[in-house]
Amino acid sequence: MPRTICCIFDAYFASFLTLLVLLPVSKAKINGVFSEYMAPVGNGFVEYAANFPKALEKLKEAGIDKYVAEYQKQFSEWHAQQ
């Protein structure tokens, strides 16, 4: 992406991105589960059929559904104000 476009993009979304820090769900926990379970599946290091369901279950236990719902809520509120 050209530098000018990046700057415009960064400025446009800066007000929204600052809200993400306030997410109540532990993003660190989700990232840890993603690294441990999803990355090996996505990179083909482990068999998809045998490991994806477990990886998805671990993400749900870590709070991915709440995280996505809160992200969508905050984005929708931010977008409505633009």
C-alpha atoms as a PDB file:
ATOM      1  CA  MET A   1       0.000   0.000   0.000  1.00  0.00           C
ATOM      2  CA  PRO A   2       1.494   3.385  -0.924  1.00  0.00           C
ATOM      3  CA  ARG A   3       2.593   5.544   2.025  1.00  0.00           C
ATOM      4  CA  THR A   4      -0.028   8.246   1.345  1.00  0.00           C
ATOM      5  CA  ILE A   5      -2.851   5.727   1.387  1.00  0.00           C
ATOM      6  CA  CYS A   6      -1.452   4.152   4.580  1.00  0.00           C
ATOM      7  CA  CYS A   7      -1.458   7.520   6.317  1.00  0.00           C
ATOM      8  CA  ILE A   8      -5.039   8.236   5.280  1.00  0.00           C
ATOM      9  CA  PHE A   9      -6.082   4.744   6.373  1.00  0.00           C
ATOM     10  CA  ASP A  10      -4.276   5.109   9.710  1.00  0.00           C
ATOM     11  CA  ALA A  11      -5.830   8.508  10.391  1.00  0.00           C
ATOM     12  CA  TYR A  12      -9.317   7.328   9.411  1.00  0.00           C
ATOM     13  CA  PHE A  13      -9.292   4.257  11.655  1.00  0.00           C
ATOM     14  CA  ALA A  14      -7.218   5.649  14.524  1.00  0.00           C
ATOM     15  CA  SER A  15     -10.269   6.675  16.526  1.00  0.00           C
ATOM     16  CA  PHE A  16     -11.757   3.187  16.183  1.00  0.00           C
ATOM     17  CA  LEU A  17      -8.552   1.302  16.912  1.00  0.00           C
ATOM     18  CA  THR A  18      -8.093   3.067  20.228  1.00  0.00           C
ATOM     19  CA  LEU A  19     -11.392   1.575  21.385  1.00  0.00           C
ATOM     20  CA  LEU A  20     -10.082  -1.950  20.902  1.00  0.00           C
ATOM     21  CA  VAL A  21      -7.771  -1.529  23.873  1.00  0.00           C
ATOM     22  CA  LEU A  22     -10.863  -1.381  26.039  1.00  0.00           C
ATOM     23  CA  LEU A  23     -12.151  -4.831  25.080  1.00  0.00           C
ATOM     24  CA  PRO A  24     -13.056  -6.673  28.268  1.00  0.00           C
ATOM     25  CA  VAL A  25     -11.994 -10.080  26.975  1.00  0.00           C
ATOM     26  CA  SER A  26      -8.345 -11.009  27.306  1.00  0.00           C
ATOM     27  CA  LYS A  27      -6.868 -10.648  23.852  1.00  0.00           C
ATOM     28  CA  ALA A  28      -3.615 -12.122  25.165  1.00  0.00           C
ATOM     29  CA  LYS A  29      -5.395 -15.346  26.097  1.00  0.00           C
ATOM     30  CA  ILE A  30      -7.001 -15.571  22.654  1.00  0.00           C
ATOM     31  CA  ASN A  31      -3.664 -14.883  20.957  1.00  0.00           C
ATOM     32  CA  GLY A  32      -2.025 -17.603  23.033  1.00  0.00           C
ATOM     33  CA  VAL A  33      -4.654 -20.150  22.056  1.00  0.00           C
ATOM     34  CA  PHE A  34      -4.402 -19.065  18.437  1.00  0.00           C
ATOM     35  CA  SER A  35      -0.624 -19.538  18.446  1.00  0.00           C
ATOM     36  CA  GLU A  36      -0.777 -22.890  20.185  1.00  0.00           C
ATOM     37  CA  TYR A  37      -3.717 -24.483  18.360  1.00  0.00           C
ATOM     38  CA  MET A  38      -4.813 -22.547  15.254  1.00  0.00           C
ATOM     39  CA  ALA A  39      -1.439 -21.616  13.757  1.00  0.00           C
ATOM     40  CA  PRO A  40      -0.286 -25.244  13.395  1.00  0.00           C
ATOM     41  CA  VAL A  41      -3.592 -26.113  11.719  1.00  0.00           C
ATOM     42  CA  GLY A  42      -3.476 -23.091   9.411  1.00  0.00           C
ATOM     43  CA  ASN A  43       0.147 -23.722   8.458  1.00  0.00           C
ATOM     44  CA  GLY A  44      -0.444 -27.394   7.723  1.00  0.00           C
ATOM     45  CA  PHE A  45       1.792 -28.731  10.508  1.00  0.00           C
ATOM     46  CA  VAL A  46      -1.013 -30.875  11.894  1.00  0.00           C
ATOM     47  CA  GLU A  47      -3.935 -32.619  10.232  1.00  0.00           C
ATOM     48  CA  TYR A  48      -6.884 -30.253   9.755  1.00  0.00           C
ATOM     49  CA  ALA A  49      -9.722 -32.710  10.348  1.00  0.00           C
ATOM     50  CA  ALA A  50      -8.262 -34.021  13.574  1.00  0.00           C
ATOM     51  CA  ASN A  51      -7.122 -30.696  15.062  1.00  0.00           C
ATOM     52  CA  PHE A  52      -9.383 -27.876  13.856  1.00  0.00           C
ATOM     53  CA  PRO A  53     -12.386 -28.795  16.040  1.00  0.00           C
ATOM     54  CA  LYS A  54     -10.180 -28.847  19.144  1.00  0.00           C
ATOM     55  CA  ALA A  55      -8.572 -25.539  18.161  1.00  0.00           C
ATOM     56  CA  LEU A  56     -11.975 -23.934  17.646  1.00  0.00           C
ATOM     57  CA  GLU A  57     -13.179 -25.279  20.994  1.00  0.00           C
ATOM     58  CA  LYS A  58     -10.117 -23.810  22.730  1.00  0.00           C
ATOM     59  CA  LEU A  59     -10.736 -20.418  21.082  1.00  0.00           C
ATOM     60  CA  LYS A  60     -14.322 -20.474  22.281  1.00  0.00           C
ATOM     61  CA  GLU A  61     -13.148 -21.330  25.809  1.00  0.00           C
ATOM     62  CA  ALA A  62     -10.739 -18.372  25.625  1.00  0.00           C
ATOM     63  CA  GLY A  63     -13.647 -16.028  24.817  1.00  0.00           C
ATOM     64  CA  ILE A  64     -13.388 -15.502  21.062  1.00  0.00           C
ATOM     65  CA  ASP A  65     -17.177 -15.196  20.684  1.00  0.00           C
ATOM     66  CA  LYS A  66     -17.371 -12.401  23.268  1.00  0.00           C
ATOM     67  CA  TYR A  67     -14.360 -10.694  21.710  1.00  0.00           C
ATOM     68  CA  VAL A  68     -15.878 -10.751  18.217  1.00  0.00           C
ATOM     69  CA  ALA A  69     -19.256  -9.543  19.512  1.00  0.00           C
ATOM     70  CA  GLU A  70     -17.640  -6.632  21.377  1.00  0.00           C
ATOM     71  CA  TYR A  71     -15.453  -5.798  18.378  1.00  0.00           C
ATOM     72  CA  GLN A  72     -18.509  -5.732  16.092  1.00  0.00           C
ATOM     73  CA  LYS A  73     -20.464  -3.594  18.571  1.00  0.00           C
ATOM     74  CA  GLN A  74     -17.673  -1.044  18.898  1.00  0.00           C
ATOM     75  CA  PHE A  75     -17.057  -0.952  15.153  1.00  0.00           C
ATOM     76  CA  SER A  76     -20.761  -0.470  14.401  1.00  0.00           C
ATOM     77  CA  GLU A  77     -20.989   2.382  16.915  1.00  0.00           C
ATOM     78  CA  TRP A  78     -17.859   4.002  15.526  1.00  0.00           C
ATOM     79  CA  HIS A  79     -18.995   3.577  11.914  1.00  0.00           C
ATOM     80  CA  ALA A  80     -22.376   5.146  12.663  1.00  0.00           C
ATOM     81  CA  GLN A  81     -20.592   8.288  13.841  1.00  0.00           C
ATOM     82  CA  GLN A  82     -18.484   8.671  10.694  1.00  0.00           C
END
